[in-house]
PDB file of N, CA and C in Angstrom:
ATOM      1  N   MET A   1      -7.091 123.319 -77.566  1.00  0.00           N
ATOM      2  CA  MET A   1      -6.302 124.706 -77.081  1.00  0.00           C
ATOM      3  C   MET A   1      -6.543 125.045 -78.384  1.00  0.00           C
ATOM      4  N   GLU A   2      -6.821 126.295 -78.022  1.00  0.00           N
ATOM      5  CA  GLU A   2      -6.999 127.536 -79.169  1.00  0.00           C
ATOM      6  C   GLU A   2      -6.253 128.635 -79.207  1.00  0.00           C
ATOM      7  N   GLY A   3      -5.489 129.021 -80.745  1.00  0.00           N
ATOM      8  CA  GLY A   3      -5.080 130.351 -80.561  1.00  0.00           C
ATOM      9  C   GLY A   3      -5.498 131.277 -81.632  1.00  0.00           C
ATOM     10  N   THR A   4      -5.265 132.376 -81.469  1.00  0.00           N
ATOM     11  CA  THR A   4      -6.286 133.650 -82.322  1.00  0.00           C
ATOM     12  C   THR A   4      -5.332 134.098 -83.174  1.00  0.00           C
ATOM     13  N   CYS A   5      -6.208 134.484 -84.451  1.00  0.00           N
ATOM     14  CA  CYS A   5      -5.094 134.679 -85.579  1.00  0.00           C
ATOM     15  C   CYS A   5      -6.363 135.663 -86.031  1.00  0.00           C
ATOM     16  N   ASP A   6      -6.193 137.141 -85.922  1.00  0.00           N
ATOM     17  CA  ASP A   6      -7.514 138.189 -86.286  1.00  0.00           C
ATOM     18  C   ASP A   6      -7.178 138.171 -87.787  1.00  0.00           C
ATOM     19  N   LYS A   7      -5.781 138.665 -88.162  1.00  0.00           N
ATOM     20  CA  LYS A   7      -5.530 138.593 -89.761  1.00  0.00           C
ATOM     21  C   LYS A   7      -4.063 137.357 -89.888  1.00  0.00           C
ATOM     22  N   GLY A   8      -3.935 137.248 -91.443  1.00  0.00           N
ATOM     23  CA  GLY A   8      -3.271 135.902 -91.719  1.00  0.00           C
ATOM     24  C   GLY A   8      -1.751 136.740 -91.169  1.00  0.00           C
ATOM     25  N   LEU A   9      -1.137 135.763 -90.810  1.00  0.00           N
ATOM     26  CA  LEU A   9       0.269 136.314 -90.349  1.00  0.00           C
ATOM     27  C   LEU A   9       1.231 136.968 -91.472  1.00  0.00           C
ATOM     28  N   LEU A  10       1.167 136.710 -92.812  1.00  0.00           N
ATOM     29  CA  LEU A  10       2.332 137.273 -93.519  1.00  0.00           C
ATOM     30  C   LEU A  10       1.149 138.612 -93.941  1.00  0.00           C
ATOM     31  N   GLU A  11       0.159 138.961 -94.218  1.00  0.00           N
ATOM     32  CA  GLU A  11      -0.641 140.083 -94.184  1.00  0.00           C
ATOM     33  C   GLU A  11      -0.316 141.049 -93.083  1.00  0.00           C
ATOM     34  N   TYR A  12      -0.243 140.519 -91.734  1.00  0.00           N
ATOM     35  CA  TYR A  12       0.040 140.987 -90.737  1.00  0.00           C
ATOM     36  C   TYR A  12       1.395 141.906 -90.871  1.00  0.00           C
ATOM     37  N   ALA A  13       2.555 140.807 -91.534  1.00  0.00           N
ATOM     38  CA  ALA A  13       3.952 141.607 -91.404  1.00  0.00           C
ATOM     39  C   ALA A  13       3.825 142.559 -92.429  1.00  0.00           C
ATOM     40  N   ILE A  14       3.502 142.636 -94.066  1.00  0.00           N
ATOM     41  CA  ILE A  14       3.516 143.217 -94.456  1.00  0.00           C
ATOM     42  C   ILE A  14       2.542 144.694 -94.498  1.00  0.00           C
ATOM     43  N   ILE A  15       1.797 144.463 -93.180  1.00  0.00           N
ATOM     44  CA  ILE A  15       1.079 145.885 -92.976  1.00  0.00           C
ATOM     45  C   ILE A  15       2.304 146.531 -92.267  1.00  0.00           C
ATOM     46  N   ARG A  16       2.586 145.491 -91.420  1.00  0.00           N
ATOM     47  CA  ARG A  16       3.339 146.352 -89.918  1.00  0.00           C
ATOM     48  C   ARG A  16       4.898 146.410 -90.689  1.00  0.00           C
ATOM     49  N   LYS A  17       5.180 146.142 -91.719  1.00  0.00           N
ATOM     50  CA  LYS A  17       6.544 146.173 -92.637  1.00  0.00           C
ATOM     51  C   LYS A  17       7.565 145.434 -91.433  1.00  0.00           C
ATOM     52  N   THR A  18       7.010 144.378 -91.032  1.00  0.00           N
ATOM     53  CA  THR A  18       8.118 143.967 -89.862  1.00  0.00           C
ATOM     54  C   THR A  18       7.991 142.182 -90.219  1.00  0.00           C
ATOM     55  N   ASN A  19       8.859 141.581 -89.850  1.00  0.00           N
ATOM     56  CA  ASN A  19       9.148 140.343 -89.971  1.00  0.00           C
ATOM     57  C   ASN A  19       8.757 139.349 -88.123  1.00  0.00           C
ATOM     58  N   PRO A  20       7.766 138.723 -88.854  1.00  0.00           N
ATOM     59  CA  PRO A  20       7.265 138.234 -87.315  1.00  0.00           C
ATOM     60  C   PRO A  20       8.069 137.076 -86.501  1.00  0.00           C
ATOM     61  N   PRO A  21       7.961 137.182 -85.151  1.00  0.00           N
ATOM     62  CA  PRO A  21       9.052 136.219 -84.359  1.00  0.00           C
ATOM     63  C   PRO A  21       9.021 134.516 -85.016  1.00  0.00           C
ATOM     64  N   PRO A  22      10.194 134.248 -84.883  1.00  0.00           N
ATOM     65  CA  PRO A  22      10.335 133.078 -85.727  1.00  0.00           C
ATOM     66  C   PRO A  22       8.947 132.012 -85.012  1.00  0.00           C
ATOM     67  N   PHE A  23       8.697 132.246 -83.900  1.00  0.00           N
ATOM     68  CA  PHE A  23       7.848 131.271 -82.860  1.00  0.00           C
ATOM     69  C   PHE A  23       6.441 131.382 -83.965  1.00  0.00           C
ATOM     70  N   LEU A  24       6.079 132.567 -84.678  1.00  0.00           N
ATOM     71  CA  LEU A  24       4.871 132.925 -84.838  1.00  0.00           C
ATOM     72  C   LEU A  24       5.020 131.828 -86.512  1.00  0.00           C
ATOM     73  N   LEU A  25       6.044 132.195 -87.122  1.00  0.00           N
ATOM     74  CA  LEU A  25       6.072 131.907 -88.241  1.00  0.00           C
ATOM     75  C   LEU A  25       6.047 130.194 -88.174  1.00  0.00           C
ATOM     76  N   LYS A  26       6.705 129.674 -87.329  1.00  0.00           N
ATOM     77  CA  LYS A  26       6.732 128.184 -87.479  1.00  0.00           C
ATOM     78  C   LYS A  26       5.159 127.828 -86.771  1.00  0.00           C
ATOM     79  N   THR A  27       4.870 128.248 -86.347  1.00  0.00           N
ATOM     80  CA  THR A  27       3.404 127.602 -85.588  1.00  0.00           C
ATOM     81  C   THR A  27       2.624 127.945 -87.002  1.00  0.00           C
ATOM     82  N   TYR A  28       2.330 129.077 -87.430  1.00  0.00           N
ATOM     83  CA  TYR A  28       1.680 128.997 -88.755  1.00  0.00           C
ATOM     84  C   TYR A  28       1.817 128.352 -89.726  1.00  0.00           C
ATOM     85  N   MET A  29       3.331 127.805 -89.957  1.00  0.00           N
ATOM     86  CA  MET A  29       3.418 126.867 -90.924  1.00  0.00           C
ATOM     87  C   MET A  29       2.839 125.531 -90.526  1.00  0.00           C
ATOM     88  N   LEU A  30       2.624 125.434 -89.154  1.00  0.00           N
ATOM     89  CA  LEU A  30       2.056 124.044 -88.885  1.00  0.00           C
ATOM     90  C   LEU A  30       0.678 123.923 -89.051  1.00  0.00           C
ATOM     91  N   VAL A  31       0.114 125.096 -88.690  1.00  0.00           N
ATOM     92  CA  VAL A  31      -1.595 124.953 -88.682  1.00  0.00           C
ATOM     93  C   VAL A  31      -2.109 125.650 -90.128  1.00  0.00           C
ATOM     94  N   ASP A  32      -0.863 125.874 -91.087  1.00  0.00           N
ATOM     95  CA  ASP A  32      -1.579 125.993 -92.352  1.00  0.00           C
ATOM     96  C   ASP A  32      -1.229 125.105 -93.379  1.00  0.00           C
ATOM     97  N   ASP A  33      -0.466 124.003 -93.148  1.00  0.00           N
ATOM     98  CA  ASP A  33      -0.219 122.869 -93.721  1.00  0.00           C
ATOM     99  C   ASP A  33      -1.213 121.848 -93.614  1.00  0.00           C
ATOM    100  N   PRO A  34      -2.008 121.611 -95.069  1.00  0.00           N
ATOM    101  CA  PRO A  34      -3.256 120.332 -95.018  1.00  0.00           C
ATOM    102  C   PRO A  34      -3.006 118.983 -94.434  1.00  0.00           C
ATOM    103  N   VAL A  35      -1.404 119.251 -94.473  1.00  0.00           N
ATOM    104  CA  VAL A  35      -1.171 117.770 -94.308  1.00  0.00           C
ATOM    105  C   VAL A  35      -1.274 117.366 -92.597  1.00  0.00           C
ATOM    106  N   THR A  36      -1.193 118.759 -92.089  1.00  0.00           N
ATOM    107  CA  THR A  36      -1.255 118.041 -90.578  1.00  0.00           C
ATOM    108  C   THR A  36      -2.683 118.795 -89.885  1.00  0.00           C
ATOM    109  N   ASP A  37      -3.776 118.607 -91.160  1.00  0.00           N
ATOM    110  CA  ASP A  37      -5.112 118.948 -90.389  1.00  0.00           C
ATOM    111  C   ASP A  37      -5.486 117.891 -89.402  1.00  0.00           C
ATOM    112  N   THR A  38      -5.275 116.823 -89.050  1.00  0.00           N
ATOM    113  CA  THR A  38      -5.736 115.682 -88.593  1.00  0.00           C
ATOM    114  C   THR A  38      -5.336 116.057 -87.174  1.00  0.00           C
ATOM    115  N   VAL A  39      -4.237 116.624 -87.003  1.00  0.00           N
ATOM    116  CA  VAL A  39      -3.761 117.017 -85.634  1.00  0.00           C
ATOM    117  C   VAL A  39      -3.953 118.372 -85.395  1.00  0.00           C
ATOM    118  N   ILE A  40      -3.469 119.664 -86.084  1.00  0.00           N
ATOM    119  CA  ILE A  40      -3.478 120.447 -85.731  1.00  0.00           C
ATOM    120  C   ILE A  40      -4.220 121.891 -87.179  1.00  0.00           C
ATOM    121  N   SER A  41      -5.037 122.469 -86.943  1.00  0.00           N
ATOM    122  CA  SER A  41      -5.818 122.994 -88.335  1.00  0.00           C
ATOM    123  C   SER A  41      -6.596 124.229 -87.731  1.00  0.00           C
ATOM    124  N   TRP A  42      -6.724 124.914 -88.540  1.00  0.00           N
ATOM    125  CA  TRP A  42      -7.607 126.436 -88.530  1.00  0.00           C
ATOM    126  C   TRP A  42      -9.028 125.846 -88.161  1.00  0.00           C
ATOM    127  N   ASN A  43      -9.651 126.607 -87.157  1.00  0.00           N
ATOM    128  CA  ASN A  43     -11.218 126.553 -87.009  1.00  0.00           C
ATOM    129  C   ASN A  43     -12.044 126.763 -87.917  1.00  0.00           C
ATOM    130  N   GLU A  44     -13.305 126.983 -87.690  1.00  0.00           N
ATOM    131  CA  GLU A  44     -13.964 126.338 -89.140  1.00  0.00           C
ATOM    132  C   GLU A  44     -13.987 128.143 -89.553  1.00  0.00           C
ATOM    133  N   GLY A  45     -13.798 128.926 -88.968  1.00  0.00           N
ATOM    134  CA  GLY A  45     -13.898 130.367 -88.981  1.00  0.00           C
ATOM    135  C   GLY A  45     -12.692 131.255 -89.592  1.00  0.00           C
ATOM    136  N   GLY A  46     -11.572 130.272 -89.642  1.00  0.00           N
ATOM    137  CA  GLY A  46     -10.228 130.967 -89.671  1.00  0.00           C
ATOM    138  C   GLY A  46      -9.854 131.891 -88.963  1.00  0.00           C
ATOM    139  N   THR A  47     -10.269 131.801 -87.929  1.00  0.00           N
ATOM    140  CA  THR A  47      -9.576 133.064 -86.731  1.00  0.00           C
ATOM    141  C   THR A  47      -8.954 132.559 -85.584  1.00  0.00           C
ATOM    142  N   ALA A  48      -8.868 130.987 -85.709  1.00  0.00           N
ATOM    143  CA  ALA A  48      -7.899 130.449 -84.702  1.00  0.00           C
ATOM    144  C   ALA A  48      -7.573 129.094 -85.222  1.00  0.00           C
ATOM    145  N   PHE A  49      -6.793 128.340 -84.331  1.00  0.00           N
ATOM    146  CA  PHE A  49      -6.491 126.866 -84.532  1.00  0.00           C
ATOM    147  C   PHE A  49      -6.864 126.441 -83.566  1.00  0.00           C
ATOM    148  N   VAL A  50      -7.127 124.968 -83.848  1.00  0.00           N
ATOM    149  CA  VAL A  50      -7.302 123.837 -82.596  1.00  0.00           C
ATOM    150  C   VAL A  50      -6.597 122.901 -82.903  1.00  0.00           C
ATOM    151  N   VAL A  51      -5.670 122.689 -82.266  1.00  0.00           N
ATOM    152  CA  VAL A  51      -4.912 121.470 -81.493  1.00  0.00           C
ATOM    153  C   VAL A  51      -5.849 120.271 -81.070  1.00  0.00           C
ATOM    154  N   TRP A  52      -6.071 118.855 -82.052  1.00  0.00           N
ATOM    155  CA  TRP A  52      -6.919 118.372 -82.266  1.00  0.00           C
ATOM    156  C   TRP A  52      -6.671 116.864 -81.505  1.00  0.00           C
ATOM    157  N   GLN A  53      -5.104 116.729 -81.822  1.00  0.00           N
ATOM    158  CA  GLN A  53      -4.687 115.739 -80.925  1.00  0.00           C
ATOM    159  C   GLN A  53      -3.439 116.348 -80.469  1.00  0.00           C
ATOM    160  N   PRO A  54      -3.271 116.570 -79.181  1.00  0.00           N
ATOM    161  CA  PRO A  54      -1.782 117.010 -78.290  1.00  0.00           C
ATOM    162  C   PRO A  54      -0.808 116.377 -78.341  1.00  0.00           C
ATOM    163  N   ALA A  55      -1.318 115.035 -77.869  1.00  0.00           N
ATOM    164  CA  ALA A  55      -0.206 113.862 -77.746  1.00  0.00           C
ATOM    165  C   ALA A  55       0.565 113.646 -79.099  1.00  0.00           C
ATOM    166  N   GLU A  56       0.167 114.132 -79.722  1.00  0.00           N
ATOM    167  CA  GLU A  56       0.798 113.820 -81.087  1.00  0.00           C
ATOM    168  C   GLU A  56       1.337 114.823 -81.943  1.00  0.00           C
ATOM    169  N   PHE A  57       0.707 115.817 -81.723  1.00  0.00           N
ATOM    170  CA  PHE A  57       0.958 117.340 -82.036  1.00  0.00           C
ATOM    171  C   PHE A  57       2.302 117.406 -81.334  1.00  0.00           C
ATOM    172  N   ALA A  58       2.835 117.365 -79.580  1.00  0.00           N
ATOM    173  CA  ALA A  58       3.945 117.450 -78.859  1.00  0.00           C
ATOM    174  C   ALA A  58       5.012 116.238 -79.602  1.00  0.00           C
ATOM    175  N   ARG A  59       4.688 114.711 -79.953  1.00  0.00           N
ATOM    176  CA  ARG A  59       5.361 113.955 -80.382  1.00  0.00           C
ATOM    177  C   ARG A  59       6.094 114.016 -81.774  1.00  0.00           C
ATOM    178  N   ASP A  60       5.097 114.396 -83.192  1.00  0.00           N
ATOM    179  CA  ASP A  60       5.471 114.302 -84.092  1.00  0.00           C
ATOM    180  C   ASP A  60       5.434 116.015 -84.766  1.00  0.00           C
ATOM    181  N   LEU A  61       4.734 116.634 -84.399  1.00  0.00           N
ATOM    182  CA  LEU A  61       5.378 117.854 -85.282  1.00  0.00           C
ATOM    183  C   LEU A  61       5.926 118.674 -84.416  1.00  0.00           C
ATOM    184  N   LEU A  62       5.631 118.996 -82.957  1.00  0.00           N
ATOM    185  CA  LEU A  62       6.739 119.977 -82.227  1.00  0.00           C
ATOM    186  C   LEU A  62       8.421 119.771 -83.168  1.00  0.00           C
ATOM    187  N   PRO A  63       8.564 118.767 -82.659  1.00  0.00           N
ATOM    188  CA  PRO A  63      10.413 118.407 -82.794  1.00  0.00           C
ATOM    189  C   PRO A  63      10.982 118.837 -84.089  1.00  0.00           C
ATOM    190  N   THR A  64      10.092 118.942 -85.187  1.00  0.00           N
ATOM    191  CA  THR A  64       9.901 119.080 -86.713  1.00  0.00           C
ATOM    192  C   THR A  64      10.445 120.554 -86.768  1.00  0.00           C
ATOM    193  N   LEU A  65       9.700 121.345 -86.134  1.00  0.00           N
ATOM    194  CA  LEU A  65      10.314 122.655 -86.133  1.00  0.00           C
ATOM    195  C   LEU A  65      10.660 123.395 -84.619  1.00  0.00           C
ATOM    196  N   PHE A  66      10.819 122.813 -83.797  1.00  0.00           N
ATOM    197  CA  PHE A  66      10.864 123.358 -82.167  1.00  0.00           C
ATOM    198  C   PHE A  66      12.289 122.107 -82.136  1.00  0.00           C
ATOM    199  N   LYS A  67      13.172 122.845 -81.013  1.00  0.00           N
ATOM    200  CA  LYS A  67      13.796 122.166 -80.249  1.00  0.00           C
ATOM    201  C   LYS A  67      13.365 120.956 -78.784  1.00  0.00           C
ATOM    202  N   HIS A  68      12.122 121.095 -79.080  1.00  0.00           N
ATOM    203  CA  HIS A  68      11.434 120.497 -77.872  1.00  0.00           C
ATOM    204  C   HIS A  68      10.651 119.455 -78.676  1.00  0.00           C
ATOM    205  N   CYS A  69       9.400 119.169 -77.510  1.00  0.00           N
ATOM    206  CA  CYS A  69       8.720 118.043 -77.914  1.00  0.00           C
ATOM    207  C   CYS A  69       7.790 118.405 -76.459  1.00  0.00           C
ATOM    208  N   ASN A  70       7.248 119.387 -76.153  1.00  0.00           N
ATOM    209  CA  ASN A  70       6.877 119.567 -74.644  1.00  0.00           C
ATOM    210  C   ASN A  70       5.616 120.634 -74.924  1.00  0.00           C
ATOM    211  N   PHE A  71       4.543 119.883 -75.116  1.00  0.00           N
ATOM    212  CA  PHE A  71       3.093 120.444 -75.242  1.00  0.00           C
ATOM    213  C   PHE A  71       3.113 121.808 -74.373  1.00  0.00           C
ATOM    214  N   SER A  72       3.450 121.845 -73.586  1.00  0.00           N
ATOM    215  CA  SER A  72       3.034 123.021 -72.162  1.00  0.00           C
ATOM    216  C   SER A  72       4.210 123.995 -72.411  1.00  0.00           C
ATOM    217  N   SER A  73       5.642 123.671 -73.147  1.00  0.00           N
ATOM    218  CA  SER A  73       6.191 124.955 -73.242  1.00  0.00           C
ATOM    219  C   SER A  73       5.444 125.249 -74.404  1.00  0.00           C
ATOM    220  N   PHE A  74       5.151 124.895 -75.474  1.00  0.00           N
ATOM    221  CA  PHE A  74       4.665 125.683 -76.494  1.00  0.00           C
ATOM    222  C   PHE A  74       3.310 126.321 -76.050  1.00  0.00           C
ATOM    223  N   VAL A  75       2.706 125.680 -75.318  1.00  0.00           N
ATOM    224  CA  VAL A  75       1.296 126.922 -74.870  1.00  0.00           C
ATOM    225  C   VAL A  75       1.913 128.003 -73.993  1.00  0.00           C
ATOM    226  N   ARG A  76       2.947 128.026 -73.405  1.00  0.00           N
ATOM    227  CA  ARG A  76       3.148 128.461 -72.230  1.00  0.00           C
ATOM    228  C   ARG A  76       4.166 129.748 -73.229  1.00  0.00           C
ATOM    229  N   GLN A  77       4.446 129.435 -74.487  1.00  0.00           N
ATOM    230  CA  GLN A  77       5.473 130.009 -75.471  1.00  0.00           C
ATOM    231  C   GLN A  77       4.153 130.958 -76.423  1.00  0.00           C
ATOM    232  N   LEU A  78       3.274 130.839 -76.571  1.00  0.00           N
ATOM    233  CA  LEU A  78       1.839 131.065 -77.441  1.00  0.00           C
ATOM    234  C   LEU A  78       1.225 132.310 -76.432  1.00  0.00           C
ATOM    235  N   ASN A  79       1.092 131.978 -74.986  1.00  0.00           N
ATOM    236  CA  ASN A  79       0.287 132.654 -74.089  1.00  0.00           C
ATOM    237  C   ASN A  79       1.025 134.269 -74.610  1.00  0.00           C
ATOM    238  N   THR A  80       2.559 134.130 -74.609  1.00  0.00           N
ATOM    239  CA  THR A  80       2.847 135.284 -74.549  1.00  0.00           C
ATOM    240  C   THR A  80       2.347 136.473 -75.712  1.00  0.00           C
ATOM    241  N   TYR A  81       1.795 135.977 -76.692  1.00  0.00           N
ATOM    242  CA  TYR A  81       1.523 136.602 -77.609  1.00  0.00           C
ATOM    243  C   TYR A  81      -0.280 136.908 -77.320  1.00  0.00           C
ATOM    244  N   SER A  82      -0.716 136.300 -76.895  1.00  0.00           N
ATOM    245  CA  SER A  82      -2.164 136.292 -76.607  1.00  0.00           C
ATOM    246  C   SER A  82      -2.060 137.740 -75.978  1.00  0.00           C
ATOM    247  N   ASN A  83      -3.388 138.595 -76.796  1.00  0.00           N
ATOM    248  CA  ASN A  83      -3.828 139.793 -75.841  1.00  0.00           C
ATOM    249  C   ASN A  83      -4.330 139.860 -74.615  1.00  0.00           C
TER     250      ASN A  83
END
């Protein structure tokens, strides 16, 4: 599963002078944390992220920042931000 990110989330927020939605901030935190790179990380170009281990992502990481551990719900919410 890949999600796109044309600009850094913080750079986007500064340019737009808005606060990103909490879902995007939390997702960014998970992707950008080097500790989670075996489970979720930026692609080689840094323009998207990849969930390398969906089961572990849902079981171990989702509950740390979200109120659920459902990978499908995460993807559904992520899709609301796609172009």
